[in-house]
Full PDB file with SEQRES, HELIX, SHEET, SSBOND, CRYST1, ORIGX, SCALE, CONECT and MASTER records, all heavy atoms in Angstrom:
SEQRES   1 A   39  ASP ASP GLY GLN GLY ASP ALA THR TYR ILE ARG ILE ASP          
SEQRES   2 A   39  ASN LYS ILE ASP VAL LEU ILE ASP ALA GLY SER ASP ARG          
SEQRES   3 A   39  LYS VAL LEU GLN CYS LEU GLY LYS TYR MET PRO PHE PHE          
HELIX    1 AA1 VAL A   28  TYR A   35  1                                   8    
SHEET    1 AA1 2 ALA A   7  ILE A  12  0                                        
SHEET    2 AA1 2 ILE A  16  ALA A  22 -1                                        
CRYST1    1.000    1.000    1.000  90.00  90.00  90.00 P 1           1          
ORIGX1      1.000000  0.000000  0.000000        0.00000                         
ORIGX2      0.000000  1.000000  0.000000        0.00000                         
ORIGX3      0.000000  0.000000  1.000000        0.00000                         
SCALE1      1.000000  0.000000  0.000000        0.00000                         
SCALE2      0.000000  1.000000  0.000000        0.00000                         
SCALE3      0.000000  0.000000  1.000000        0.00000                         
ATOM      1  N   ASP A   1       5.570   0.926   4.853  1.00  0.00           N  
ATOM      2  CA  ASP A   1       6.370   0.396   5.951  1.00  0.00           C  
ATOM      3  C   ASP A   1       5.849  -1.001   6.247  1.00  0.00           C  
ATOM      4  O   ASP A   1       4.895  -1.180   6.989  1.00  0.00           O  
ATOM      5  CB  ASP A   1       6.249   1.302   7.173  1.00  0.00           C  
ATOM      6  CG  ASP A   1       7.027   0.770   8.369  1.00  0.00           C  
ATOM      7  OD1 ASP A   1       7.841  -0.168   8.182  1.00  0.00           O  
ATOM      8  OD2 ASP A   1       6.820   1.277   9.483  1.00  0.00           O  
ATOM      9  N   ASP A   2       6.475  -1.998   5.660  1.00  0.00           N  
ATOM     10  CA  ASP A   2       6.001  -3.377   5.789  1.00  0.00           C  
ATOM     11  C   ASP A   2       7.054  -4.252   6.465  1.00  0.00           C  
ATOM     12  O   ASP A   2       7.198  -5.421   6.144  1.00  0.00           O  
ATOM     13  CB  ASP A   2       5.658  -3.941   4.405  1.00  0.00           C  
ATOM     14  CG  ASP A   2       4.718  -5.130   4.494  1.00  0.00           C  
ATOM     15  OD1 ASP A   2       3.514  -4.927   4.665  1.00  0.00           O  
ATOM     16  OD2 ASP A   2       5.206  -6.280   4.418  1.00  0.00           O  
ATOM     17  N   GLY A   3       7.809  -3.657   7.361  1.00  0.00           N  
ATOM     18  CA  GLY A   3       8.840  -4.423   8.036  1.00  0.00           C  
ATOM     19  C   GLY A   3       9.916  -4.849   7.059  1.00  0.00           C  
ATOM     20  O   GLY A   3      10.394  -4.059   6.255  1.00  0.00           O  
ATOM     21  N   GLN A   4      10.267  -6.139   7.085  1.00  0.00           N  
ATOM     22  CA  GLN A   4      11.315  -6.647   6.205  1.00  0.00           C  
ATOM     23  C   GLN A   4      10.751  -7.062   4.846  1.00  0.00           C  
ATOM     24  O   GLN A   4      11.453  -7.634   4.016  1.00  0.00           O  
ATOM     25  CB  GLN A   4      12.025  -7.826   6.882  1.00  0.00           C  
ATOM     26  CG  GLN A   4      13.344  -8.250   6.248  1.00  0.00           C  
ATOM     27  CD  GLN A   4      14.410  -7.161   6.231  1.00  0.00           C  
ATOM     28  OE1 GLN A   4      14.319  -6.185   6.960  1.00  0.00           O  
ATOM     29  NE2 GLN A   4      15.426  -7.334   5.388  1.00  0.00           N  
ATOM     30  N   GLY A   5       9.479  -6.749   4.586  1.00  0.00           N  
ATOM     31  CA  GLY A   5       8.865  -7.060   3.306  1.00  0.00           C  
ATOM     32  C   GLY A   5       8.834  -5.856   2.382  1.00  0.00           C  
ATOM     33  O   GLY A   5       9.206  -4.748   2.770  1.00  0.00           O  
ATOM     34  N   ASP A   6       8.389  -6.082   1.158  1.00  0.00           N  
ATOM     35  CA  ASP A   6       8.290  -5.031   0.143  1.00  0.00           C  
ATOM     36  C   ASP A   6       6.841  -4.839  -0.277  1.00  0.00           C  
ATOM     37  O   ASP A   6       6.143  -5.810  -0.598  1.00  0.00           O  
ATOM     38  CB  ASP A   6       9.103  -5.414  -1.099  1.00  0.00           C  
ATOM     39  CG  ASP A   6      10.458  -4.743  -1.134  1.00  0.00           C  
ATOM     40  OD1 ASP A   6      10.854  -4.170  -0.107  1.00  0.00           O  
ATOM     41  OD2 ASP A   6      11.122  -4.799  -2.181  1.00  0.00           O  
ATOM     42  N   ALA A   7       6.396  -3.585  -0.323  1.00  0.00           N  
ATOM     43  CA  ALA A   7       5.069  -3.264  -0.848  1.00  0.00           C  
ATOM     44  C   ALA A   7       5.053  -1.781  -1.209  1.00  0.00           C  
ATOM     45  O   ALA A   7       5.432  -0.941  -0.393  1.00  0.00           O  
ATOM     46  CB  ALA A   7       3.979  -3.572   0.169  1.00  0.00           C  
ATOM     47  N   THR A   8       4.627  -1.479  -2.427  1.00  0.00           N  
ATOM     48  CA  THR A   8       4.521  -0.094  -2.874  1.00  0.00           C  
ATOM     49  C   THR A   8       3.150   0.133  -3.491  1.00  0.00           C  
ATOM     50  O   THR A   8       2.733  -0.620  -4.382  1.00  0.00           O  
ATOM     51  CB  THR A   8       5.597   0.244  -3.924  1.00  0.00           C  
ATOM     52  OG1 THR A   8       6.897  -0.025  -3.381  1.00  0.00           O  
ATOM     53  CG2 THR A   8       5.521   1.709  -4.327  1.00  0.00           C  
ATOM     54  N   TYR A   9       2.449   1.142  -3.015  1.00  0.00           N  
ATOM     55  CA  TYR A   9       1.126   1.488  -3.543  1.00  0.00           C  
ATOM     56  C   TYR A   9       1.224   2.768  -4.367  1.00  0.00           C  
ATOM     57  O   TYR A   9       1.838   3.752  -3.935  1.00  0.00           O  
ATOM     58  CB  TYR A   9       0.124   1.684  -2.398  1.00  0.00           C  
ATOM     59  CG  TYR A   9      -1.178   2.309  -2.853  1.00  0.00           C  
ATOM     60  CD1 TYR A   9      -2.045   1.609  -3.680  1.00  0.00           C  
ATOM     61  CD2 TYR A   9      -1.532   3.606  -2.467  1.00  0.00           C  
ATOM     62  CE1 TYR A   9      -3.244   2.181  -4.110  1.00  0.00           C  
ATOM     63  CE2 TYR A   9      -2.717   4.181  -2.889  1.00  0.00           C  
ATOM     64  CZ  TYR A   9      -3.567   3.464  -3.714  1.00  0.00           C  
ATOM     65  OH  TYR A   9      -4.735   4.029  -4.146  1.00  0.00           O  
ATOM     66  N   ILE A  10       0.639   2.742  -5.558  1.00  0.00           N  
ATOM     67  CA  ILE A  10       0.616   3.915  -6.434  1.00  0.00           C  
ATOM     68  C   ILE A  10      -0.823   4.187  -6.869  1.00  0.00           C  
ATOM     69  O   ILE A  10      -1.533   3.261  -7.269  1.00  0.00           O  
ATOM     70  CB  ILE A  10       1.489   3.693  -7.688  1.00  0.00           C  
ATOM     71  CG1 ILE A  10       2.940   3.368  -7.293  1.00  0.00           C  
ATOM     72  CG2 ILE A  10       1.456   4.915  -8.602  1.00  0.00           C  
ATOM     73  CD1 ILE A  10       3.836   2.989  -8.466  1.00  0.00           C  
ATOM     74  N   ARG A  11      -1.237   5.445  -6.769  1.00  0.00           N  
ATOM     75  CA  ARG A  11      -2.546   5.838  -7.305  1.00  0.00           C  
ATOM     76  C   ARG A  11      -2.292   6.870  -8.401  1.00  0.00           C  
ATOM     77  O   ARG A  11      -1.885   8.005  -8.118  1.00  0.00           O  
ATOM     78  CB  ARG A  11      -3.470   6.391  -6.221  1.00  0.00           C  
ATOM     79  CG  ARG A  11      -4.896   6.666  -6.750  1.00  0.00           C  
ATOM     80  CD  ARG A  11      -5.875   6.862  -5.596  1.00  0.00           C  
ATOM     81  NE  ARG A  11      -7.194   7.268  -6.048  1.00  0.00           N  
ATOM     82  CZ  ARG A  11      -8.157   6.428  -6.448  1.00  0.00           C  
ATOM     83  NH1 ARG A  11      -7.920   5.121  -6.446  1.00  0.00           N  
ATOM     84  NH2 ARG A  11      -9.338   6.874  -6.837  1.00  0.00           N  
ATOM     85  N   ILE A  12      -2.527   6.468  -9.634  1.00  0.00           N  
ATOM     86  CA  ILE A  12      -2.228   7.304 -10.792  1.00  0.00           C  
ATOM     87  C   ILE A  12      -3.377   8.276 -11.056  1.00  0.00           C  
ATOM     88  O   ILE A  12      -4.527   7.860 -11.220  1.00  0.00           O  
ATOM     89  CB  ILE A  12      -1.988   6.435 -12.044  1.00  0.00           C  
ATOM     90  CG1 ILE A  12      -0.796   5.491 -11.811  1.00  0.00           C  
ATOM     91  CG2 ILE A  12      -1.751   7.306 -13.273  1.00  0.00           C  
ATOM     92  CD1 ILE A  12      -0.592   4.476 -12.922  1.00  0.00           C  
ATOM     93  N   ASP A  13      -3.044   9.556 -11.091  1.00  0.00           N  
ATOM     94  CA  ASP A  13      -4.022  10.616 -11.396  1.00  0.00           C  
ATOM     95  C   ASP A  13      -5.251  10.549 -10.496  1.00  0.00           C  
ATOM     96  O   ASP A  13      -6.347  10.969 -10.900  1.00  0.00           O  
ATOM     97  CB  ASP A  13      -4.469  10.536 -12.865  1.00  0.00           C  
ATOM     98  CG  ASP A  13      -3.312  10.729 -13.829  1.00  0.00           C  
ATOM     99  OD1 ASP A  13      -2.312  11.349 -13.433  1.00  0.00           O  
ATOM    100  OD2 ASP A  13      -3.413  10.251 -14.975  1.00  0.00           O  
ATOM    101  N   ASN A  14      -5.086   9.991  -9.295  1.00  0.00           N  
ATOM    102  CA  ASN A  14      -6.190   9.845  -8.351  1.00  0.00           C  
ATOM    103  C   ASN A  14      -7.339   9.018  -8.939  1.00  0.00           C  
ATOM    104  O   ASN A  14      -8.502   9.209  -8.596  1.00  0.00           O  
ATOM    105  CB  ASN A  14      -6.725  11.217  -7.913  1.00  0.00           C  
ATOM    106  CG  ASN A  14      -7.439  11.151  -6.571  1.00  0.00           C  
ATOM    107  OD1 ASN A  14      -7.428  10.123  -5.892  1.00  0.00           O  
ATOM    108  ND2 ASN A  14      -8.077  12.242  -6.193  1.00  0.00           N  
ATOM    109  N   LYS A  15      -6.991   8.073  -9.832  1.00  0.00           N  
ATOM    110  CA  LYS A  15      -8.012   7.246 -10.485  1.00  0.00           C  
ATOM    111  C   LYS A  15      -7.654   5.767 -10.527  1.00  0.00           C  
ATOM    112  O   LYS A  15      -8.517   4.914 -10.322  1.00  0.00           O  
ATOM    113  CB  LYS A  15      -8.223   7.730 -11.927  1.00  0.00           C  
ATOM    114  CG  LYS A  15      -8.790   9.134 -12.060  1.00  0.00           C  
ATOM    115  CD  LYS A  15      -8.870   9.536 -13.528  1.00  0.00           C  
ATOM    116  CE  LYS A  15      -9.371  10.965 -13.681  1.00  0.00           C  
ATOM    117  NZ  LYS A  15      -9.393  11.394 -15.107  1.00  0.00           N  
ATOM    118  N   ILE A  16      -6.405   5.462 -10.830  1.00  0.00           N  
ATOM    119  CA  ILE A  16      -6.011   4.080 -11.116  1.00  0.00           C  
ATOM    120  C   ILE A  16      -5.039   3.582 -10.052  1.00  0.00           C  
ATOM    121  O   ILE A  16      -4.034   4.237  -9.762  1.00  0.00           O  
ATOM    122  CB  ILE A  16      -5.373   3.988 -12.516  1.00  0.00           C  
ATOM    123  CG1 ILE A  16      -6.386   4.409 -13.577  1.00  0.00           C  
ATOM    124  CG2 ILE A  16      -4.870   2.565 -12.785  1.00  0.00           C  
ATOM    125  CD1 ILE A  16      -5.807   4.580 -14.954  1.00  0.00           C  
ATOM    126  N   ASP A  17      -5.341   2.408  -9.497  1.00  0.00           N  
ATOM    127  CA  ASP A  17      -4.549   1.856  -8.400  1.00  0.00           C  
ATOM    128  C   ASP A  17      -3.576   0.794  -8.898  1.00  0.00           C  
ATOM    129  O   ASP A  17      -3.951  -0.122  -9.634  1.00  0.00           O  
ATOM    130  CB  ASP A  17      -5.474   1.250  -7.339  1.00  0.00           C  
ATOM    131  CG  ASP A  17      -6.447   2.279  -6.786  1.00  0.00           C  
ATOM    132  OD1 ASP A  17      -5.972   3.228  -6.140  1.00  0.00           O  
ATOM    133  OD2 ASP A  17      -7.654   2.141  -7.025  1.00  0.00           O  
ATOM    134  N   VAL A  18      -2.320   0.929  -8.460  1.00  0.00           N  
ATOM    135  CA  VAL A  18      -1.261  -0.020  -8.815  1.00  0.00           C  
ATOM    136  C   VAL A  18      -0.589  -0.476  -7.524  1.00  0.00           C  
ATOM    137  O   VAL A  18      -0.297   0.339  -6.644  1.00  0.00           O  
ATOM    138  CB  VAL A  18      -0.212   0.634  -9.742  1.00  0.00           C  
ATOM    139  CG1 VAL A  18       0.922  -0.341 -10.043  1.00  0.00           C  
ATOM    140  CG2 VAL A  18      -0.870   1.112 -11.035  1.00  0.00           C  
ATOM    141  N   LEU A  19      -0.340  -1.774  -7.408  1.00  0.00           N  
ATOM    142  CA  LEU A  19       0.350  -2.318  -6.235  1.00  0.00           C  
ATOM    143  C   LEU A  19       1.547  -3.129  -6.698  1.00  0.00           C  
ATOM    144  O   LEU A  19       1.410  -4.031  -7.524  1.00  0.00           O  
ATOM    145  CB  LEU A  19      -0.590  -3.198  -5.409  1.00  0.00           C  
ATOM    146  CG  LEU A  19       0.001  -3.798  -4.130  1.00  0.00           C  
ATOM    147  CD1 LEU A  19       0.346  -2.698  -3.130  1.00  0.00           C  
ATOM    148  CD2 LEU A  19      -0.965  -4.801  -3.506  1.00  0.00           C  
ATOM    149  N   ILE A  20       2.715  -2.792  -6.183  1.00  0.00           N  
ATOM    150  CA  ILE A  20       3.942  -3.510  -6.525  1.00  0.00           C  
ATOM    151  C   ILE A  20       4.399  -4.279  -5.297  1.00  0.00           C  
ATOM    152  O   ILE A  20       4.794  -3.687  -4.289  1.00  0.00           O  
ATOM    153  CB  ILE A  20       5.033  -2.535  -6.995  1.00  0.00           C  
ATOM    154  CG1 ILE A  20       4.535  -1.750  -8.220  1.00  0.00           C  
ATOM    155  CG2 ILE A  20       6.321  -3.283  -7.321  1.00  0.00           C  
ATOM    156  CD1 ILE A  20       5.361  -0.548  -8.557  1.00  0.00           C  
ATOM    157  N   ASP A  21       4.276  -5.598  -5.359  1.00  0.00           N  
ATOM    158  CA  ASP A  21       4.541  -6.490  -4.226  1.00  0.00           C  
ATOM    159  C   ASP A  21       3.554  -6.202  -3.093  1.00  0.00           C  
ATOM    160  O   ASP A  21       2.829  -5.203  -3.108  1.00  0.00           O  
ATOM    161  CB  ASP A  21       5.986  -6.385  -3.755  1.00  0.00           C  
ATOM    162  CG  ASP A  21       6.961  -7.014  -4.741  1.00  0.00           C  
ATOM    163  OD1 ASP A  21       6.567  -7.951  -5.440  1.00  0.00           O  
ATOM    164  OD2 ASP A  21       8.119  -6.556  -4.820  1.00  0.00           O  
ATOM    165  N   ALA A  22       3.522  -7.110  -2.115  1.00  0.00           N  
ATOM    166  CA  ALA A  22       2.493  -6.991  -1.075  1.00  0.00           C  
ATOM    167  C   ALA A  22       2.995  -7.367   0.306  1.00  0.00           C  
ATOM    168  O   ALA A  22       2.202  -7.665   1.200  1.00  0.00           O  
ATOM    169  CB  ALA A  22       1.281  -7.856  -1.447  1.00  0.00           C  
ATOM    170  N   GLY A  23       4.315  -7.351   0.489  1.00  0.00           N  
ATOM    171  CA  GLY A  23       4.838  -7.688   1.806  1.00  0.00           C  
ATOM    172  C   GLY A  23       4.613  -9.149   2.154  1.00  0.00           C  
ATOM    173  O   GLY A  23       4.222  -9.959   1.310  1.00  0.00           O  
ATOM    174  N   SER A  24       4.827  -9.479   3.396  1.00  0.00           N  
ATOM    175  CA  SER A  24       4.780 -10.877   3.823  1.00  0.00           C  
ATOM    176  C   SER A  24       3.461 -11.293   4.466  1.00  0.00           C  
ATOM    177  O   SER A  24       3.156 -12.476   4.551  1.00  0.00           O  
ATOM    178  CB  SER A  24       5.915 -11.150   4.807  1.00  0.00           C  
ATOM    179  OG  SER A  24       5.803 -10.289   5.934  1.00  0.00           O  
ATOM    180  N   ASP A  25       2.665 -10.314   4.926  1.00  0.00           N  
ATOM    181  CA  ASP A  25       1.451 -10.670   5.657  1.00  0.00           C  
ATOM    182  C   ASP A  25       0.379  -9.588   5.482  1.00  0.00           C  
ATOM    183  O   ASP A  25       0.437  -8.796   4.549  1.00  0.00           O  
ATOM    184  CB  ASP A  25       1.761 -10.905   7.139  1.00  0.00           C  
ATOM    185  CG  ASP A  25       2.524  -9.729   7.760  1.00  0.00           C  
ATOM    186  OD1 ASP A  25       2.272  -8.574   7.349  1.00  0.00           O  
ATOM    187  OD2 ASP A  25       3.365  -9.957   8.648  1.00  0.00           O  
ATOM    188  N   ARG A  26      -0.575  -9.514   6.400  1.00  0.00           N  
ATOM    189  CA  ARG A  26      -1.714  -8.620   6.281  1.00  0.00           C  
ATOM    190  C   ARG A  26      -1.377  -7.148   6.561  1.00  0.00           C  
ATOM    191  O   ARG A  26      -2.222  -6.281   6.425  1.00  0.00           O  
ATOM    192  CB  ARG A  26      -2.839  -9.080   7.195  1.00  0.00           C  
ATOM    193  CG  ARG A  26      -2.538  -8.995   8.670  1.00  0.00           C  
ATOM    194  CD  ARG A  26      -3.670  -9.551   9.519  1.00  0.00           C  
ATOM    195  NE  ARG A  26      -4.937  -8.918   9.214  1.00  0.00           N  
ATOM    196  CZ  ARG A  26      -5.982  -9.558   8.681  1.00  0.00           C  
ATOM    197  NH1 ARG A  26      -5.889 -10.857   8.399  1.00  0.00           N  
ATOM    198  NH2 ARG A  26      -7.087  -8.916   8.432  1.00  0.00           N  
ATOM    199  N   LYS A  27      -0.141  -6.866   6.948  1.00  0.00           N  
ATOM    200  CA  LYS A  27       0.230  -5.494   7.272  1.00  0.00           C  
ATOM    201  C   LYS A  27       0.027  -4.549   6.091  1.00  0.00           C  
ATOM    202  O   LYS A  27      -0.214  -3.356   6.269  1.00  0.00           O  
ATOM    203  CB  LYS A  27       1.683  -5.441   7.745  1.00  0.00           C  
ATOM    204  CG  LYS A  27       2.079  -4.107   8.372  1.00  0.00           C  
ATOM    205  CD  LYS A  27       3.483  -4.152   8.953  1.00  0.00           C  
ATOM    206  CE  LYS A  27       3.840  -2.811   9.595  1.00  0.00           C  
ATOM    207  NZ  LYS A  27       5.216  -2.809  10.144  1.00  0.00           N  
ATOM    208  N   VAL A  28       0.120  -5.067   4.878  1.00  0.00           N  
ATOM    209  CA  VAL A  28      -0.067  -4.233   3.688  1.00  0.00           C  
ATOM    210  C   VAL A  28      -1.460  -3.602   3.666  1.00  0.00           C  
ATOM    211  O   VAL A  28      -1.656  -2.514   3.117  1.00  0.00           O  
ATOM    212  CB  VAL A  28       0.162  -5.069   2.407  1.00  0.00           C  
ATOM    213  CG1 VAL A  28      -0.899  -6.147   2.239  1.00  0.00           C  
ATOM    214  CG2 VAL A  28       0.196  -4.168   1.172  1.00  0.00           C  
ATOM    215  N   LEU A  29      -2.434  -4.249   4.302  1.00  0.00           N  
ATOM    216  CA  LEU A  29      -3.797  -3.711   4.330  1.00  0.00           C  
ATOM    217  C   LEU A  29      -3.860  -2.381   5.075  1.00  0.00           C  
ATOM    218  O   LEU A  29      -4.681  -1.519   4.753  1.00  0.00           O  
ATOM    219  CB  LEU A  29      -4.751  -4.713   4.982  1.00  0.00           C  
ATOM    220  CG  LEU A  29      -4.961  -6.042   4.239  1.00  0.00           C  
ATOM    221  CD1 LEU A  29      -5.873  -6.960   5.049  1.00  0.00           C  
ATOM    222  CD2 LEU A  29      -5.528  -5.811   2.852  1.00  0.00           C  
ATOM    223  N   GLN A  30      -2.988  -2.196   6.065  1.00  0.00           N  
ATOM    224  CA  GLN A  30      -2.944  -0.928   6.793  1.00  0.00           C  
ATOM    225  C   GLN A  30      -2.524   0.204   5.861  1.00  0.00           C  
ATOM    226  O   GLN A  30      -3.072   1.309   5.919  1.00  0.00           O  
ATOM    227  CB  GLN A  30      -1.974  -1.032   7.970  1.00  0.00           C  
ATOM    228  CG  GLN A  30      -2.362  -2.051   9.017  1.00  0.00           C  
ATOM    229  CD  GLN A  30      -1.308  -2.189  10.112  1.00  0.00           C  
ATOM    230  OE1 GLN A  30      -0.418  -1.354  10.237  1.00  0.00           O  
ATOM    231  NE2 GLN A  30      -1.415  -3.241  10.908  1.00  0.00           N  
ATOM    232  N   CYS A  31      -1.561  -0.092   5.008  1.00  0.00           N  
ATOM    233  CA  CYS A  31      -1.074   0.917   4.065  1.00  0.00           C  
ATOM    234  C   CYS A  31      -2.153   1.261   3.048  1.00  0.00           C  
ATOM    235  O   CYS A  31      -2.425   2.441   2.785  1.00  0.00           O  
ATOM    236  CB  CYS A  31       0.177   0.391   3.356  1.00  0.00           C  
ATOM    237  SG  CYS A  31       1.023   1.624   2.336  1.00  0.00           S  
ATOM    238  N   LEU A  32      -2.799   0.249   2.479  1.00  0.00           N  
ATOM    239  CA  LEU A  32      -3.869   0.498   1.508  1.00  0.00           C  
ATOM    240  C   LEU A  32      -5.035   1.227   2.169  1.00  0.00           C  
ATOM    241  O   LEU A  32      -5.621   2.142   1.585  1.00  0.00           O  
ATOM    242  CB  LEU A  32      -4.355  -0.825   0.908  1.00  0.00           C  
ATOM    243  CG  LEU A  32      -3.358  -1.583   0.024  1.00  0.00           C  
ATOM    244  CD1 LEU A  32      -3.983  -2.875  -0.496  1.00  0.00           C  
ATOM    245  CD2 LEU A  32      -2.881  -0.727  -1.130  1.00  0.00           C  
ATOM    246  N   GLY A  33      -5.362   0.832   3.384  1.00  0.00           N  
ATOM    247  CA  GLY A  33      -6.469   1.466   4.095  1.00  0.00           C  
ATOM    248  C   GLY A  33      -6.224   2.936   4.366  1.00  0.00           C  
ATOM    249  O   GLY A  33      -7.165   3.733   4.424  1.00  0.00           O  
ATOM    250  N   LYS A  34      -4.981   3.325   4.515  1.00  0.00           N  
ATOM    251  CA  LYS A  34      -4.641   4.709   4.822  1.00  0.00           C  
ATOM    252  C   LYS A  34      -4.598   5.593   3.578  1.00  0.00           C  
ATOM    253  O   LYS A  34      -5.008   6.756   3.620  1.00  0.00           O  
ATOM    254  CB  LYS A  34      -3.295   4.760   5.543  1.00  0.00           C  
ATOM    255  CG  LYS A  34      -2.893   6.163   5.995  1.00  0.00           C  
ATOM    256  CD  LYS A  34      -1.639   6.131   6.855  1.00  0.00           C  
ATOM    257  CE  LYS A  34      -1.284   7.530   7.355  1.00  0.00           C  
ATOM    258  NZ  LYS A  34      -0.088   7.499   8.233  1.00  0.00           N  
ATOM    259  N   TYR A  35      -4.136   5.041   2.459  1.00  0.00           N  
ATOM    260  CA  TYR A  35      -3.895   5.879   1.282  1.00  0.00           C  
ATOM    261  C   TYR A  35      -4.839   5.618   0.108  1.00  0.00           C  
ATOM    262  O   TYR A  35      -4.955   6.458  -0.781  1.00  0.00           O  
ATOM    263  CB  TYR A  35      -2.445   5.707   0.812  1.00  0.00           C  
ATOM    264  CG  TYR A  35      -1.450   6.162   1.845  1.00  0.00           C  
ATOM    265  CD1 TYR A  35      -0.798   5.242   2.673  1.00  0.00           C  
ATOM    266  CD2 TYR A  35      -1.166   7.511   2.021  1.00  0.00           C  
ATOM    267  CE1 TYR A  35       0.109   5.655   3.641  1.00  0.00           C  
ATOM    268  CE2 TYR A  35      -0.260   7.931   2.984  1.00  0.00           C  
ATOM    269  CZ  TYR A  35       0.373   7.004   3.791  1.00  0.00           C  
ATOM    270  OH  TYR A  35       1.262   7.421   4.747  1.00  0.00           O  
ATOM    271  N   MET A  36      -5.495   4.479   0.082  1.00  0.00           N  
ATOM    272  CA  MET A  36      -6.429   4.167  -0.998  1.00  0.00           C  
ATOM    273  C   MET A  36      -7.829   4.589  -0.560  1.00  0.00           C  
ATOM    274  O   MET A  36      -8.233   4.311   0.572  1.00  0.00           O  
ATOM    275  CB  MET A  36      -6.397   2.660  -1.283  1.00  0.00           C  
ATOM    276  CG  MET A  36      -7.167   2.229  -2.499  1.00  0.00           C  
ATOM    277  SD  MET A  36      -6.799   0.469  -2.852  1.00  0.00           S  
ATOM    278  CE  MET A  36      -7.925   0.181  -4.215  1.00  0.00           C  
ATOM    279  N   PRO A  37      -8.588   5.292  -1.419  1.00  0.00           N  
ATOM    280  CA  PRO A  37      -9.937   5.727  -1.039  1.00  0.00           C  
ATOM    281  C   PRO A  37     -10.774   4.563  -0.506  1.00  0.00           C  
ATOM    282  O   PRO A  37     -10.772   3.478  -1.090  1.00  0.00           O  
ATOM    283  CB  PRO A  37     -10.503   6.276  -2.348  1.00  0.00           C  
ATOM    284  CG  PRO A  37      -9.302   6.721  -3.118  1.00  0.00           C  
ATOM    285  CD  PRO A  37      -8.235   5.721  -2.788  1.00  0.00           C  
ATOM    286  N   PHE A  38     -11.479   4.786   0.591  1.00  0.00           N  
ATOM    287  CA  PHE A  38     -12.207   3.708   1.256  1.00  0.00           C  
ATOM    288  C   PHE A  38     -13.291   3.102   0.376  1.00  0.00           C  
ATOM    289  O   PHE A  38     -13.666   1.943   0.550  1.00  0.00           O  
ATOM    290  CB  PHE A  38     -12.823   4.222   2.566  1.00  0.00           C  
ATOM    291  CG  PHE A  38     -13.936   5.208   2.386  1.00  0.00           C  
ATOM    292  CD1 PHE A  38     -15.257   4.794   2.258  1.00  0.00           C  
ATOM    293  CD2 PHE A  38     -13.673   6.576   2.328  1.00  0.00           C  
ATOM    294  CE1 PHE A  38     -16.288   5.703   2.098  1.00  0.00           C  
ATOM    295  CE2 PHE A  38     -14.695   7.487   2.157  1.00  0.00           C  
ATOM    296  CZ  PHE A  38     -16.008   7.062   2.039  1.00  0.00           C  
ATOM    297  N   PHE A  39     -13.795   3.888  -0.584  1.00  0.00           N  
ATOM    298  CA  PHE A  39     -14.877   3.409  -1.441  1.00  0.00           C  
ATOM    299  C   PHE A  39     -14.371   2.624  -2.646  1.00  0.00           C  
ATOM    300  O   PHE A  39     -15.143   2.022  -3.380  1.00  0.00           O  
ATOM    301  CB  PHE A  39     -15.714   4.600  -1.943  1.00  0.00           C  
ATOM    302  CG  PHE A  39     -14.903   5.687  -2.597  1.00  0.00           C  
ATOM    303  CD1 PHE A  39     -14.510   5.591  -3.924  1.00  0.00           C  
ATOM    304  CD2 PHE A  39     -14.514   6.795  -1.860  1.00  0.00           C  
ATOM    305  CE1 PHE A  39     -13.748   6.584  -4.513  1.00  0.00           C  
ATOM    306  CE2 PHE A  39     -13.753   7.803  -2.446  1.00  0.00           C  
ATOM    307  CZ  PHE A  39     -13.361   7.696  -3.775  1.00  0.00           C  
TER     308      PHE A  39                                                      
MASTER        0    0    0    1    2    0    0    6  307    1    0    3          
END                                                                             
């Protein structure tokens, strides 16, 4: 949910991280912080 921007996060097999677009500003960090392992 990046407002009027585009950002899609994919974690393949719980190992490999893929990001498709990143929205317009820092809001994408909230999405990564929630779904991408903190470590």
